[in-house]
Amino acid sequence: MKKGCSKLQRLGAYIIDYLFILLLITLLGQIRFLNPTFDKYYETYDEYMELIENVNESNVLEIIESEEYSIANYNLSKYGVSMSIISILVYIGYFAGFQKWNKGQTLGKKLFNIEVSNVNEGNIKWWQLILREFIIYNLWAEILYVIFILLLSANSYFVISNTILFVTFIISFVNILFVLFRKDGRGLHDLLAKTIVVERVR
């Protein structure tokens, strides 16, 4: 089996890629054609922040359990659907499409001279890149959020979204432990996708 790269290389590449993706999603989110609910989202965000500003030790539970809070939270998610779809497409395009085209490297991985590789011999496949990104960046959860916000009422969505959030936290926590403490540095996403991040041989 191939040998993994250092943890610092992976962390550096992750930070570079995350900042690049964040910038790209933010820029695309400013285009009204792609994000038609932009204004409504920020109006709702202001209302939500006003509600949060009034929270103190004596009323925190009362506000969180209030219908006003539930509706504000629901509307934020509803008006954020366009941004969620943009995020999903950008993540898949960059971490699957660009990375496949660039022979297992993103911009961050290129800077740190590492690449995603098939754990066995042969070129990395589309399904491997897509699967690993669905797990590492919780894209499966983002897709479920979009589906459920379109189908459920505010109260039902609040319960389901909190459950999804808890599951994503567990998966992310386990993933980090795997990357940190496995000798080969393979996370849960690498094990399921049969990939490994290695140093590129120049």
Protein backbone atom coordinates (compact mmCIF):
# COMPACT_ATOMS: atom_id res chain seq x y z
CA MET A 1 0.00 0.00 0.00
CA LYS A 2 1.11 3.58 -0.68
CA LYS A 3 2.59 5.68 2.13
CA GLY A 4 0.73 8.80 3.29
CA CYS A 5 2.06 12.35 3.58
CA SER A 6 2.65 14.49 6.69
CA LYS A 7 -0.22 15.93 8.73
CA LEU A 8 1.15 19.47 8.27
CA GLN A 9 1.08 19.13 4.49
CA ARG A 10 -2.55 18.02 4.61
CA LEU A 11 -3.50 20.81 7.02
CA GLY A 12 -1.80 23.46 4.89
CA ALA A 13 -3.47 22.21 1.71
CA TYR A 14 -6.85 22.07 3.48
CA ILE A 15 -6.56 25.69 4.67
CA ILE A 16 -5.58 26.97 1.20
CA ASP A 17 -8.40 25.04 -0.49
CA TYR A 18 -10.96 26.08 2.12
CA LEU A 19 -10.11 29.78 1.75
CA PHE A 20 -10.23 29.52 -2.05
CA ILE A 21 -13.60 27.74 -1.98
CA LEU A 22 -15.01 30.24 0.54
CA LEU A 23 -13.96 33.14 -1.68
CA LEU A 24 -15.43 31.51 -4.79
CA ILE A 25 -18.78 30.70 -3.10
CA THR A 26 -18.99 34.23 -1.66
CA LEU A 27 -18.37 35.80 -5.08
CA LEU A 28 -20.92 33.55 -6.81
CA GLY A 29 -23.43 34.25 -4.02
CA GLN A 30 -23.32 37.97 -4.87
CA ILE A 31 -24.69 37.29 -8.38
CA ARG A 32 -28.45 37.88 -8.08
CA PHE A 33 -29.23 35.56 -11.00
CA LEU A 34 -27.60 32.66 -9.16
CA ASN A 35 -28.87 33.75 -5.74
CA PRO A 36 -32.35 35.30 -6.21
CA THR A 37 -33.16 35.26 -2.46
CA PHE A 38 -30.04 37.27 -1.53
CA ASP A 39 -31.98 40.32 -0.21
CA LYS A 40 -34.59 38.25 1.65
CA TYR A 41 -31.84 36.21 3.29
CA TYR A 42 -30.10 39.29 4.69
CA GLU A 43 -33.38 40.86 5.83
CA THR A 44 -34.15 37.65 7.73
CA TYR A 45 -30.58 37.50 9.03
CA ASP A 46 -30.98 41.00 10.55
CA GLU A 47 -34.23 39.92 12.23
CA TYR A 48 -32.53 36.77 13.53
CA MET A 49 -29.61 38.78 14.95
CA GLU A 50 -32.00 41.19 16.70
CA LEU A 51 -33.60 38.20 18.36
CA ILE A 52 -30.22 36.74 19.39
CA GLU A 53 -29.01 40.08 20.79
CA ASN A 54 -31.75 39.92 23.42
CA VAL A 55 -30.56 36.55 24.75
CA ASN A 56 -29.30 36.40 28.32
CA GLU A 57 -28.97 33.73 31.00
CA SER A 58 -32.55 34.12 32.20
CA ASN A 59 -34.32 33.97 28.82
CA VAL A 60 -32.12 31.80 26.61
CA LEU A 61 -34.39 28.74 26.76
CA GLU A 62 -37.52 30.83 26.33
CA ILE A 63 -36.14 32.45 23.13
CA ILE A 64 -34.76 29.23 21.64
CA GLU A 65 -38.06 27.44 22.24
CA SER A 66 -40.15 30.35 20.94
CA GLU A 67 -42.07 30.20 17.67
CA GLU A 68 -40.41 33.46 16.59
CA TYR A 69 -36.94 31.89 16.85
CA SER A 70 -38.07 28.72 15.08
CA ILE A 71 -39.58 30.69 12.17
CA ALA A 72 -36.52 32.97 11.86
CA ASN A 73 -34.22 29.94 11.80
CA TYR A 74 -36.46 28.21 9.25
CA ASN A 75 -36.59 31.29 6.99
CA LEU A 76 -32.80 31.65 7.10
CA SER A 77 -32.48 28.10 5.83
CA LYS A 78 -35.24 28.59 3.25
CA TYR A 79 -33.72 31.76 1.82
CA GLY A 80 -30.29 30.13 1.95
CA VAL A 81 -31.23 27.28 -0.43
CA SER A 82 -29.65 29.04 -3.43
CA MET A 83 -26.38 29.43 -1.54
CA SER A 84 -26.52 25.79 -0.46
CA ILE A 85 -26.94 24.66 -4.07
CA ILE A 86 -24.08 26.95 -5.17
CA SER A 87 -21.88 25.49 -2.40
CA ILE A 88 -22.66 21.89 -3.34
CA LEU A 89 -21.89 22.51 -7.03
CA VAL A 90 -18.67 24.42 -6.27
CA TYR A 91 -17.41 21.71 -3.90
CA ILE A 92 -18.14 18.94 -6.41
CA GLY A 93 -16.72 20.98 -9.30
CA TYR A 94 -13.52 21.84 -7.45
CA PHE A 95 -12.78 18.74 -5.37
CA ALA A 96 -14.01 16.19 -7.91
CA GLY A 97 -13.88 17.86 -11.33
CA PHE A 98 -10.81 20.09 -11.00
CA GLN A 99 -8.96 17.54 -8.88
CA LYS A 100 -9.63 14.73 -11.39
CA TRP A 101 -8.55 16.95 -14.30
CA ASN A 102 -5.44 18.04 -12.36
CA LYS A 103 -4.35 14.46 -11.59
CA GLY A 104 -5.38 14.30 -7.94
CA GLN A 105 -4.33 17.82 -6.96
CA THR A 106 -6.21 20.93 -5.90
CA LEU A 107 -4.47 24.31 -5.61
CA GLY A 108 -3.67 23.62 -1.96
CA LYS A 109 -2.36 20.14 -2.66
CA LYS A 110 -0.23 21.47 -5.52
CA LEU A 111 1.37 24.07 -3.19
CA PHE A 112 2.19 21.38 -0.64
CA ASN A 113 3.23 18.78 -3.23
CA ILE A 114 0.63 16.17 -2.27
CA GLU A 115 -2.12 14.41 -4.19
CA VAL A 116 -5.14 12.19 -3.71
CA SER A 117 -4.36 8.76 -5.07
CA ASN A 118 -6.07 5.42 -5.53
CA VAL A 119 -4.97 3.22 -2.63
CA ASN A 120 -4.42 0.43 -5.17
CA GLU A 121 -2.59 0.83 -8.43
CA GLY A 122 -4.27 2.78 -11.22
CA ASN A 123 -5.72 6.24 -11.74
CA ILE A 124 -8.17 7.69 -9.26
CA LYS A 125 -11.77 7.40 -10.42
CA TRP A 126 -14.61 9.93 -10.46
CA TRP A 127 -16.70 7.99 -7.95
CA GLN A 128 -13.79 7.92 -5.49
CA LEU A 129 -13.33 11.70 -5.57
CA ILE A 130 -17.05 12.40 -5.33
CA LEU A 131 -17.57 9.94 -2.45
CA ARG A 132 -14.63 11.25 -0.39
CA GLU A 133 -15.79 14.87 -0.80
CA PHE A 134 -19.38 13.98 0.10
CA ILE A 135 -18.06 12.61 3.39
CA ILE A 136 -15.23 15.00 4.29
CA TYR A 137 -17.25 18.16 3.54
CA ASN A 138 -20.63 16.73 4.61
CA LEU A 139 -22.19 17.42 1.22
CA TRP A 140 -24.70 14.63 1.90
CA ALA A 141 -25.98 16.70 4.84
CA GLU A 142 -26.19 19.88 2.74
CA ILE A 143 -28.30 18.02 0.16
CA LEU A 144 -30.61 16.71 2.90
CA TYR A 145 -30.99 20.24 4.31
CA VAL A 146 -32.11 21.49 0.89
CA ILE A 147 -34.58 18.63 0.44
CA PHE A 148 -36.07 18.92 3.92
CA ILE A 149 -36.39 22.73 3.86
CA LEU A 150 -38.51 22.35 0.73
CA LEU A 151 -40.70 19.60 2.20
CA LEU A 152 -41.10 20.21 5.94
CA SER A 153 -42.74 22.76 8.21
CA ALA A 154 -40.62 24.95 10.51
CA ASN A 155 -40.96 22.72 13.60
CA SER A 156 -40.28 19.47 11.73
CA TYR A 157 -37.31 20.98 9.92
CA PHE A 158 -35.85 22.25 13.20
CA VAL A 159 -35.89 18.70 14.69
CA ILE A 160 -34.50 17.02 11.54
CA SER A 161 -31.80 19.65 10.95
CA ASN A 162 -30.56 19.32 14.55
CA THR A 163 -30.38 15.54 14.11
CA ILE A 164 -28.39 15.92 10.87
CA LEU A 165 -26.10 18.44 12.60
CA PHE A 166 -25.40 15.95 15.39
CA VAL A 167 -24.59 13.16 12.90
CA THR A 168 -22.25 15.43 10.89
CA PHE A 169 -20.46 16.38 14.12
CA ILE A 170 -19.88 12.70 14.97
CA ILE A 171 -18.66 11.86 11.46
CA SER A 172 -16.33 14.89 11.38
CA PHE A 173 -14.95 14.05 14.85
CA VAL A 174 -14.28 10.41 13.91
CA ASN A 175 -12.73 11.55 10.62
CA ILE A 176 -10.30 13.91 12.39
CA LEU A 177 -9.29 11.14 14.83
CA PHE A 178 -8.61 8.76 11.94
CA VAL A 179 -6.46 11.32 10.08
CA LEU A 180 -4.51 12.21 13.24
CA PHE A 181 -3.89 8.76 14.67
CA ARG A 182 -3.75 6.33 11.76
CA LYS A 183 -0.20 5.80 10.51
CA ASP A 184 -1.27 6.21 6.90
CA GLY A 185 -3.34 9.32 7.73
CA ARG A 186 -6.42 7.92 6.00
CA GLY A 187 -9.67 9.40 7.21
CA LEU A 188 -13.08 7.79 7.10
CA HIS A 189 -13.58 9.40 3.68
CA ASP A 190 -10.36 7.79 2.39
CA LEU A 191 -11.24 4.36 3.75
CA LEU A 192 -14.69 4.36 2.15
CA ALA A 193 -13.47 5.82 -1.15
CA LYS A 194 -10.32 3.63 -1.20
CA THR A 195 -8.06 6.67 -1.51
CA ILE A 196 -4.95 7.98 0.21
CA VAL A 197 -3.24 11.39 0.25
CA VAL A 198 0.43 10.98 -0.66
CA GLU A 199 3.44 13.10 -1.54
CA ARG A 200 3.75 13.58 -5.28
CA VAL A 201 6.94 12.14 -6.68
CA ARG A 202 8.59 14.88 -8.75
